[in-house]
N, C-alpha and C. Protein backbone atom coordinates (compact mmCIF):
# COMPACT_ATOMS: atom_id res chain seq x y z
N MET A 1 15.07 3.89 21.54
CA MET A 1 14.46 3.46 20.17
C MET A 1 15.44 2.49 19.70
N ASN A 2 14.91 1.46 19.34
CA ASN A 2 15.89 0.44 18.72
C ASN A 2 16.29 0.24 17.25
N ARG A 3 16.92 -0.03 16.85
CA ARG A 3 17.22 -0.23 15.34
C ARG A 3 16.23 -1.11 14.57
N ALA A 4 15.94 -0.94 13.71
CA ALA A 4 15.05 -1.60 12.54
C ALA A 4 15.70 -2.92 12.14
N THR A 5 15.01 -3.71 11.95
CA THR A 5 15.61 -5.20 11.15
C THR A 5 15.58 -4.84 9.83
N PRO A 6 16.23 -5.14 9.23
CA PRO A 6 16.52 -5.23 7.72
C PRO A 6 15.04 -5.70 6.89
N VAL A 7 14.19 -6.60 7.34
CA VAL A 7 12.89 -7.13 6.84
C VAL A 7 12.17 -5.57 7.29
N SER A 8 11.95 -5.13 8.49
CA SER A 8 11.14 -4.12 8.63
C SER A 8 11.56 -2.88 7.78
N LEU A 9 12.69 -2.59 7.46
CA LEU A 9 13.13 -1.60 6.59
C LEU A 9 12.84 -1.55 5.46
N ARG A 10 13.18 -3.03 4.77
CA ARG A 10 12.54 -3.58 3.36
C ARG A 10 11.26 -3.54 3.01
N SER A 11 10.42 -3.67 4.35
CA SER A 11 8.85 -3.47 4.26
C SER A 11 8.42 -1.78 3.72
N SER A 12 9.06 -1.37 4.95
CA SER A 12 8.90 0.65 5.17
C SER A 12 9.20 0.93 3.27
N LEU A 13 10.32 0.78 2.86
CA LEU A 13 10.71 1.38 1.58
C LEU A 13 10.20 1.00 0.47
N GLU A 14 9.43 -0.45 0.62
CA GLU A 14 8.67 -0.92 -0.22
C GLU A 14 7.26 -0.20 -0.45
N ALA A 15 6.60 -0.28 0.93
CA ALA A 15 5.63 0.83 0.94
C ALA A 15 5.52 1.98 0.29
N ALA A 16 6.94 3.01 0.80
CA ALA A 16 6.95 4.52 0.09
C ALA A 16 7.08 4.40 -1.08
N HIS A 17 7.87 3.03 -1.72
CA HIS A 17 7.95 3.26 -3.11
C HIS A 17 6.58 2.98 -3.81
N THR A 18 5.68 2.22 -3.23
CA THR A 18 4.42 1.63 -3.88
C THR A 18 3.33 3.13 -3.70
N PHE A 19 3.27 4.05 -2.52
CA PHE A 19 2.74 4.91 -2.44
C PHE A 19 3.38 6.17 -3.42
N ALA A 20 4.73 6.35 -3.54
CA ALA A 20 4.93 7.24 -4.49
C ALA A 20 4.58 6.99 -6.22
N ASN A 21 4.81 5.61 -6.45
CA ASN A 21 4.56 5.45 -7.75
C ASN A 21 2.81 5.53 -7.82
N ALA A 22 2.00 5.17 -6.82
CA ALA A 22 0.40 5.67 -7.20
C ALA A 22 0.15 7.16 -7.20
N GLY A 23 1.17 8.15 -6.59
CA GLY A 23 0.76 9.28 -6.54
C GLY A 23 0.34 9.47 -5.28
N ILE A 24 0.07 9.10 -4.09
CA ILE A 24 -0.22 9.17 -2.70
C ILE A 24 0.74 9.81 -1.81
N ASP A 25 0.28 10.83 -1.49
CA ASP A 25 1.30 11.62 -0.83
C ASP A 25 1.17 11.04 0.65
N PHE A 26 2.36 10.96 1.32
CA PHE A 26 2.97 10.35 2.37
C PHE A 26 3.67 11.29 3.08
N VAL A 27 3.69 10.68 4.85
CA VAL A 27 5.11 11.49 5.59
C VAL A 27 5.53 10.16 6.17
N CYS A 28 7.00 10.35 6.34
CA CYS A 28 7.68 9.27 7.03
C CYS A 28 7.86 9.66 8.47
N VAL A 29 7.78 8.78 9.36
CA VAL A 29 7.28 9.33 10.66
C VAL A 29 8.34 7.81 11.28
N PRO A 30 9.46 8.31 12.13
CA PRO A 30 9.89 7.47 12.66
C PRO A 30 9.26 6.74 13.98
N VAL A 31 9.51 5.25 13.99
CA VAL A 31 8.89 4.56 15.01
C VAL A 31 9.63 4.19 16.05
N LEU A 32 9.13 4.67 17.34
CA LEU A 32 10.06 4.77 18.56
C LEU A 32 9.63 3.41 19.48
N SER A 33 8.71 2.76 19.13
CA SER A 33 8.58 1.43 19.98
C SER A 33 7.87 0.46 19.43
N GLU A 34 7.52 -0.58 19.68
CA GLU A 34 7.09 -1.73 18.83
C GLU A 34 5.16 -1.40 18.93
N SER A 35 4.85 -0.72 20.46
CA SER A 35 3.63 -0.04 20.50
C SER A 35 3.10 0.95 19.52
N ASP A 36 4.40 1.83 19.35
CA ASP A 36 4.28 3.11 18.58
C ASP A 36 3.68 2.46 17.12
N ARG A 37 4.67 1.58 16.43
CA ARG A 37 4.30 0.75 15.43
C ARG A 37 3.20 0.53 15.06
N ILE A 38 2.31 -0.16 16.22
CA ILE A 38 1.07 -0.61 16.08
C ILE A 38 -0.06 0.66 15.91
N ASP A 39 0.41 1.39 16.52
CA ASP A 39 -0.26 2.79 16.51
C ASP A 39 -0.46 3.49 14.98
N LEU A 40 0.70 3.67 14.68
CA LEU A 40 1.19 4.21 13.62
C LEU A 40 0.36 3.14 12.33
N VAL A 41 0.20 2.01 12.23
CA VAL A 41 -0.02 1.08 11.31
C VAL A 41 -1.58 1.19 11.46
N ASN A 42 -1.85 1.36 12.55
CA ASN A 42 -3.69 1.50 12.85
C ASN A 42 -4.19 3.26 12.28
N GLN A 43 -3.25 3.90 12.82
CA GLN A 43 -3.54 5.52 12.02
C GLN A 43 -3.48 5.45 10.62
N ALA A 44 -2.80 4.60 9.81
CA ALA A 44 -2.82 4.43 8.54
C ALA A 44 -3.82 3.99 7.70
N ALA A 45 -4.50 2.65 8.59
CA ALA A 45 -5.64 2.18 8.18
C ALA A 45 -6.50 2.81 8.32
N ALA A 46 -6.72 3.70 9.52
CA ALA A 46 -8.11 4.53 9.50
C ALA A 46 -8.08 5.49 8.53
N ARG A 47 -6.91 6.32 8.08
CA ARG A 47 -6.78 7.52 7.02
C ARG A 47 -7.24 6.48 5.21
N PHE A 48 -6.82 5.00 5.26
CA PHE A 48 -6.98 4.77 3.92
C PHE A 48 -8.58 4.36 4.19
N GLU A 49 -9.34 4.03 5.17
CA GLU A 49 -10.91 3.96 5.53
C GLU A 49 -11.50 5.24 5.25
N GLN A 50 -10.82 6.47 5.63
CA GLN A 50 -11.28 7.90 5.47
C GLN A 50 -11.21 8.32 4.22
N LEU A 51 -10.26 7.42 3.48
CA LEU A 51 -10.21 8.03 1.77
C LEU A 51 -11.56 7.31 1.36
N ILE A 52 -11.95 6.44 1.30
CA ILE A 52 -12.57 5.37 1.10
C ILE A 52 -13.98 5.95 1.14
N GLN A 53 -14.11 6.60 2.31
CA GLN A 53 -15.39 7.05 2.59
C GLN A 53 -16.04 8.36 2.23
N ASN A 54 -14.51 9.16 2.15
CA ASN A 54 -14.40 10.66 1.09
C ASN A 54 -15.42 10.30 -0.26
N ALA A 55 -14.46 8.97 -0.72
CA ALA A 55 -15.04 8.82 -2.00
C ALA A 55 -16.61 8.06 -2.45
N GLU A 56 -17.06 7.98 -1.15
CA GLU A 56 -18.60 7.76 -1.38
C GLU A 56 -19.46 8.99 -1.57
N LYS A 57 -19.91 9.03 -3.08
CA LYS A 57 -20.71 10.03 -3.25
C LYS A 57 -21.88 9.71 -4.00
N ASN A 58 -22.82 10.38 -4.70
CA ASN A 58 -23.53 10.06 -5.84
C ASN A 58 -24.39 9.00 -4.74
N GLY A 59 -25.49 9.75 -4.14
CA GLY A 59 -26.44 8.75 -3.51
C GLY A 59 -25.57 7.47 -3.15
N GLY A 60 -24.96 7.65 -2.08
CA GLY A 60 -24.33 6.62 -1.63
C GLY A 60 -23.40 5.51 -2.35
N ARG A 61 -23.54 5.44 -3.45
CA ARG A 61 -22.50 5.12 -4.32
C ARG A 61 -21.38 5.56 -4.78
N PRO A 62 -20.11 4.92 -4.76
CA PRO A 62 -19.04 5.60 -5.29
C PRO A 62 -18.75 6.14 -6.37
N MET A 63 -18.16 7.43 -6.16
CA MET A 63 -18.15 7.87 -7.55
C MET A 63 -16.51 7.79 -7.77
N SER A 64 -16.05 7.41 -9.02
CA SER A 64 -14.75 7.08 -8.93
C SER A 64 -13.89 8.16 -8.68
N GLN A 65 -12.90 8.31 -8.22
CA GLN A 65 -11.70 9.38 -8.13
C GLN A 65 -11.64 9.83 -9.70
N SER A 66 -11.50 8.92 -10.53
CA SER A 66 -11.06 9.05 -11.81
C SER A 66 -12.23 9.89 -12.64
N ARG A 67 -13.41 9.49 -12.24
CA ARG A 67 -14.47 10.52 -12.60
C ARG A 67 -14.54 11.63 -12.41
N GLU A 68 -14.39 11.77 -11.01
CA GLU A 68 -14.31 13.15 -10.21
C GLU A 68 -13.58 13.84 -10.68
N GLN A 69 -11.95 13.16 -11.28
CA GLN A 69 -11.11 14.33 -11.58
C GLN A 69 -11.21 14.81 -13.21
N PHE A 70 -11.61 14.00 -13.50
CA PHE A 70 -12.10 13.90 -15.28
C PHE A 70 -13.09 15.16 -15.17
N GLU A 71 -14.13 15.34 -14.31
CA GLU A 71 -15.48 16.29 -14.24
C GLU A 71 -14.86 17.50 -13.78
N ALA A 72 -13.52 17.77 -12.90
CA ALA A 72 -13.33 18.84 -12.53
C ALA A 72 -12.70 19.41 -13.59
N ARG A 73 -11.72 18.57 -14.33
CA ARG A 73 -10.96 19.45 -15.53
C ARG A 73 -12.25 19.62 -16.47
N TYR A 74 -12.82 18.99 -16.91
CA TYR A 74 -13.82 18.99 -18.03
C TYR A 74 -15.03 18.82 -17.59
N PRO A 75 -15.69 19.88 -16.97
CA PRO A 75 -17.27 19.91 -16.60
C PRO A 75 -18.24 19.42 -17.37
N VAL A 76 -19.11 18.85 -16.89
CA VAL A 76 -20.47 17.72 -17.44
C VAL A 76 -21.21 18.90 -18.11
N PRO A 77 -21.24 18.99 -19.71
CA PRO A 77 -22.10 19.99 -20.34
C PRO A 77 -23.52 19.98 -20.05
N ALA A 78 -24.10 20.79 -19.83
CA ALA A 78 -25.80 21.00 -19.64
C ALA A 78 -26.51 20.09 -20.22
N GLY A 79 -27.45 19.36 -19.66
CA GLY A 79 -28.63 18.51 -20.10
C GLY A 79 -27.63 17.13 -20.53
N VAL A 80 -26.06 16.95 -19.66
CA VAL A 80 -25.34 15.58 -19.63
C VAL A 80 -25.75 15.23 -18.20
N ARG A 81 -25.96 13.73 -18.15
CA ARG A 81 -25.76 13.37 -16.83
C ARG A 81 -25.12 12.01 -16.75
N TRP A 82 -24.23 11.36 -15.72
CA TRP A 82 -24.07 10.28 -15.64
C TRP A 82 -24.77 9.26 -15.65
N SER A 83 -25.17 8.06 -16.06
CA SER A 83 -26.12 7.12 -15.55
C SER A 83 -25.47 5.81 -15.02
N GLU A 84 -26.28 5.59 -13.98
CA GLU A 84 -25.21 4.57 -13.15
C GLU A 84 -25.83 3.23 -13.98
N GLU A 85 -26.97 3.46 -14.49
CA GLU A 85 -27.21 1.85 -15.25
C GLU A 85 -26.72 1.52 -16.28
N THR A 86 -26.02 2.48 -17.24
CA THR A 86 -25.24 2.06 -18.45
C THR A 86 -23.64 2.11 -18.04
N SER A 87 -23.23 2.87 -16.85
CA SER A 87 -22.45 3.60 -16.66
C SER A 87 -21.32 4.07 -17.56
N ARG A 88 -22.21 5.09 -17.97
CA ARG A 88 -21.47 6.39 -19.05
C ARG A 88 -22.23 7.55 -18.91
N TYR A 89 -21.75 8.46 -19.67
CA TYR A 89 -22.65 9.52 -19.83
C TYR A 89 -23.83 9.78 -20.35
N ALA A 90 -24.92 10.19 -20.61
CA ALA A 90 -26.34 9.99 -21.20
C ALA A 90 -26.81 11.55 -21.36
N LEU A 91 -27.36 11.88 -22.38
CA LEU A 91 -28.03 13.25 -22.85
C LEU A 91 -29.40 13.03 -22.47
N VAL A 92 -29.65 13.84 -21.45
CA VAL A 92 -30.87 13.53 -20.84
C VAL A 92 -31.92 14.76 -20.87
N ASP A 93 -31.67 15.69 -21.60
CA ASP A 93 -32.00 17.08 -21.24
C ASP A 93 -31.45 17.86 -23.01
N ILE A 94 -32.16 17.60 -24.03
CA ILE A 94 -31.70 18.00 -25.21
C ILE A 94 -32.14 19.65 -25.30
N LYS A 95 -33.64 19.90 -24.72
CA LYS A 95 -33.74 21.30 -24.22
C LYS A 95 -32.83 22.11 -23.68
N THR A 96 -32.26 21.76 -22.30
CA THR A 96 -31.23 22.36 -21.77
C THR A 96 -30.09 22.64 -22.45
N ALA A 97 -29.78 21.39 -23.33
CA ALA A 97 -28.32 21.47 -23.95
C ALA A 97 -28.26 22.63 -25.04
N ARG A 98 -29.49 22.63 -25.66
CA ARG A 98 -29.62 23.37 -26.99
C ARG A 98 -29.89 24.61 -26.25
N HIS A 99 -30.38 25.06 -25.27
CA HIS A 99 -30.44 26.24 -24.68
C HIS A 99 -29.16 27.08 -24.45
N THR A 100 -28.29 26.08 -24.02
CA THR A 100 -27.15 26.49 -23.39
C THR A 100 -25.98 26.47 -24.09
N GLY A 101 -26.14 26.01 -25.69
CA GLY A 101 -25.09 26.09 -26.75
C GLY A 101 -24.67 24.79 -26.82
N SER A 102 -24.94 23.69 -25.99
CA SER A 102 -24.51 22.43 -26.33
C SER A 102 -25.14 21.83 -27.70
N THR A 103 -24.52 20.68 -28.30
CA THR A 103 -24.93 20.04 -29.55
C THR A 103 -24.71 18.76 -29.28
N ILE A 104 -25.23 17.97 -29.98
CA ILE A 104 -25.19 16.56 -29.98
C ILE A 104 -23.55 16.10 -30.37
N ALA A 105 -22.84 16.82 -31.44
CA ALA A 105 -21.48 16.78 -31.51
C ALA A 105 -20.72 17.00 -30.11
N GLY A 106 -21.13 17.99 -29.64
CA GLY A 106 -20.27 18.40 -28.35
C GLY A 106 -20.49 17.30 -27.21
N TYR A 107 -21.83 16.63 -27.12
CA TYR A 107 -21.96 15.61 -26.36
C TYR A 107 -21.02 14.67 -26.58
N GLU A 108 -21.19 14.03 -28.20
CA GLU A 108 -20.19 12.89 -28.36
C GLU A 108 -18.59 13.23 -27.93
N ALA A 109 -18.19 14.47 -28.45
CA ALA A 109 -16.98 14.95 -28.19
C ALA A 109 -16.75 14.29 -26.48
N TYR A 110 -17.44 14.92 -25.71
CA TYR A 110 -17.64 14.76 -24.17
C TYR A 110 -17.39 13.25 -23.95
N VAL A 111 -18.35 12.28 -24.29
CA VAL A 111 -18.23 10.80 -24.31
C VAL A 111 -16.88 10.40 -24.85
N HIS A 112 -16.40 10.95 -26.05
CA HIS A 112 -15.43 10.85 -26.53
C HIS A 112 -13.96 11.01 -25.50
N SER A 113 -14.07 11.86 -25.04
CA SER A 113 -12.87 12.61 -24.11
C SER A 113 -12.97 11.64 -22.74
N TRP A 114 -13.91 11.22 -22.06
CA TRP A 114 -13.96 10.31 -21.21
C TRP A 114 -13.56 8.95 -21.82
N GLY A 115 -13.57 8.56 -22.70
CA GLY A 115 -13.12 6.95 -23.23
C GLY A 115 -11.51 7.34 -23.02
N VAL A 116 -11.19 8.11 -23.95
CA VAL A 116 -9.68 8.61 -23.86
C VAL A 116 -9.07 9.09 -22.60
N TRP A 117 -9.85 9.48 -21.54
CA TRP A 117 -9.25 9.63 -20.12
C TRP A 117 -9.13 8.47 -19.68
N LYS A 118 -10.06 7.68 -19.44
CA LYS A 118 -10.10 6.37 -18.84
C LYS A 118 -8.71 5.33 -19.55
N ALA A 119 -8.75 5.25 -21.02
CA ALA A 119 -7.88 4.31 -21.60
C ALA A 119 -6.26 4.79 -20.85
N SER A 120 -6.16 6.36 -21.11
CA SER A 120 -4.77 6.91 -20.14
C SER A 120 -4.44 6.33 -19.32
N ARG A 121 -5.41 6.01 -18.28
CA ARG A 121 -5.52 5.92 -16.71
C ARG A 121 -5.11 4.41 -16.92
N GLN A 122 -5.89 3.58 -17.86
CA GLN A 122 -5.89 1.90 -17.73
C GLN A 122 -4.61 1.54 -18.35
N ALA A 123 -3.65 2.31 -18.49
CA ALA A 123 -2.33 1.81 -19.48
C ALA A 123 -1.54 1.97 -18.46
N VAL A 124 -1.40 2.21 -16.91
CA VAL A 124 -0.87 2.32 -15.79
C VAL A 124 -1.19 1.21 -15.09
N VAL A 125 -0.04 0.32 -14.72
CA VAL A 125 -0.26 -0.49 -13.69
C VAL A 125 0.49 -0.42 -12.21
N VAL A 126 0.02 -0.64 -11.17
CA VAL A 126 0.76 -0.21 -9.82
C VAL A 126 0.88 -1.70 -9.55
N HIS A 127 1.79 -1.96 -9.08
CA HIS A 127 2.42 -3.43 -8.51
C HIS A 127 2.76 -3.07 -6.68
N LEU A 128 1.67 -3.39 -6.12
CA LEU A 128 2.02 -3.79 -4.63
C LEU A 128 2.58 -5.02 -4.24
N PRO A 129 3.89 -4.70 -3.62
CA PRO A 129 4.41 -5.68 -3.23
C PRO A 129 4.14 -6.47 -2.00
N PRO A 130 4.44 -7.88 -1.34
CA PRO A 130 4.17 -8.28 -0.31
C PRO A 130 4.36 -7.63 1.06
N ALA A 131 4.98 -6.92 1.25
CA ALA A 131 5.73 -6.26 2.09
C ALA A 131 4.48 -5.63 2.91
N LEU A 132 3.89 -4.82 1.76
CA LEU A 132 2.57 -4.32 2.36
C LEU A 132 1.44 -4.91 3.14
N ARG A 133 1.56 -6.05 3.00
CA ARG A 133 0.49 -6.90 3.78
C ARG A 133 0.55 -6.92 5.35
N GLY A 134 1.90 -6.77 5.77
CA GLY A 134 1.95 -6.40 7.13
C GLY A 134 1.69 -5.15 7.75
N LEU A 135 1.66 -4.43 6.97
CA LEU A 135 1.45 -2.92 7.31
C LEU A 135 0.01 -2.44 7.27
N ILE A 136 -0.52 -2.57 6.37
CA ILE A 136 -1.97 -2.21 5.51
C ILE A 136 -2.93 -3.27 5.01
N ASP A 137 -3.74 -3.10 4.78
CA ASP A 137 -4.73 -4.03 3.99
C ASP A 137 -4.64 -3.78 2.77
N ALA A 138 -3.96 -4.84 1.85
CA ALA A 138 -3.69 -4.82 0.63
C ALA A 138 -4.70 -4.53 -0.52
N ASP A 139 -6.14 -5.09 0.06
CA ASP A 139 -7.19 -4.93 -0.85
C ASP A 139 -7.79 -3.54 -0.76
N ASP A 140 -7.80 -2.99 0.16
CA ASP A 140 -7.97 -1.56 0.48
C ASP A 140 -7.06 -0.81 -0.48
N VAL A 141 -5.97 -0.76 0.02
CA VAL A 141 -4.86 -0.16 -1.00
C VAL A 141 -5.29 -0.17 -2.45
N ARG A 142 -5.63 -1.69 -3.05
CA ARG A 142 -6.10 -1.36 -4.63
C ARG A 142 -7.19 -0.99 -4.87
N ASP A 143 -8.29 -1.03 -3.89
CA ASP A 143 -9.58 -0.27 -4.34
C ASP A 143 -9.10 1.08 -4.74
N GLU A 144 -8.34 1.93 -3.37
CA GLU A 144 -8.17 3.23 -3.70
C GLU A 144 -7.33 3.61 -4.91
N ILE A 145 -6.12 2.67 -5.29
CA ILE A 145 -5.57 2.81 -6.72
C ILE A 145 -6.47 2.74 -7.75
N GLU A 146 -7.29 1.83 -7.70
CA GLU A 146 -8.29 1.40 -9.02
C GLU A 146 -9.47 2.36 -8.98
N ALA A 147 -9.42 3.13 -8.14
CA ALA A 147 -10.71 4.18 -7.53
C ALA A 147 -10.01 5.58 -8.68
N VAL A 148 -8.67 5.71 -8.61
CA VAL A 148 -8.48 6.70 -9.62
C VAL A 148 -8.27 6.52 -10.88
N GLY A 149 -8.72 5.13 -11.28
CA GLY A 149 -8.68 4.71 -12.60
C GLY A 149 -7.34 3.93 -12.98
N LEU A 150 -6.54 3.57 -12.11
CA LEU A 150 -5.35 2.91 -12.60
C LEU A 150 -5.61 1.14 -12.37
N SER A 151 -4.79 0.48 -13.04
CA SER A 151 -4.99 -0.59 -12.66
C SER A 151 -3.77 -1.05 -11.52
N CYS A 152 -4.19 -2.35 -10.82
CA CYS A 152 -3.30 -2.55 -9.86
C CYS A 152 -3.10 -4.08 -9.65
N GLU A 153 -2.26 -4.76 -9.58
CA GLU A 153 -1.73 -6.07 -9.15
C GLU A 153 -1.31 -6.13 -7.56
N VAL A 154 -1.87 -7.14 -6.82
CA VAL A 154 -0.98 -7.56 -5.39
C VAL A 154 -0.32 -8.67 -5.70
N THR A 155 1.33 -8.36 -5.85
CA THR A 155 2.27 -9.41 -5.96
C THR A 155 2.21 -10.49 -5.00
N PRO A 156 2.06 -11.72 -5.45
CA PRO A 156 1.87 -12.88 -4.47
C PRO A 156 3.58 -12.98 -3.69
């Protein structure tokens, strides 16, 4: 095993810092050789692809992880559905809503809660350092970060 170059170490530290700031769990693994580094980078790329595929739901259209987390925390009221056309929640069955005790005011509160949820996440901006470009596809990372509702900027 050879000592890593300062540039390689800096790139690895910046990548780890970016993952930590974005809340992405990761494991530090020593690189044994250049071919091992290539294998590890390929594994990382495959894992990011898997994350993207796991996020694809809702009739083949991706459901944002932010909305998925919101709905896990605040279940969608009866009679309410997500509208792909308007990109918002819609009251689609007033009879079901009334039968389960939901009200128009409850629907409006749910829509308001979704707005607050999105605004709280949009206030966070993750900056991707240029060092990530040699390790992974920065566009894929940006897409994953934005899928959880956070803003992302790729530093030139």
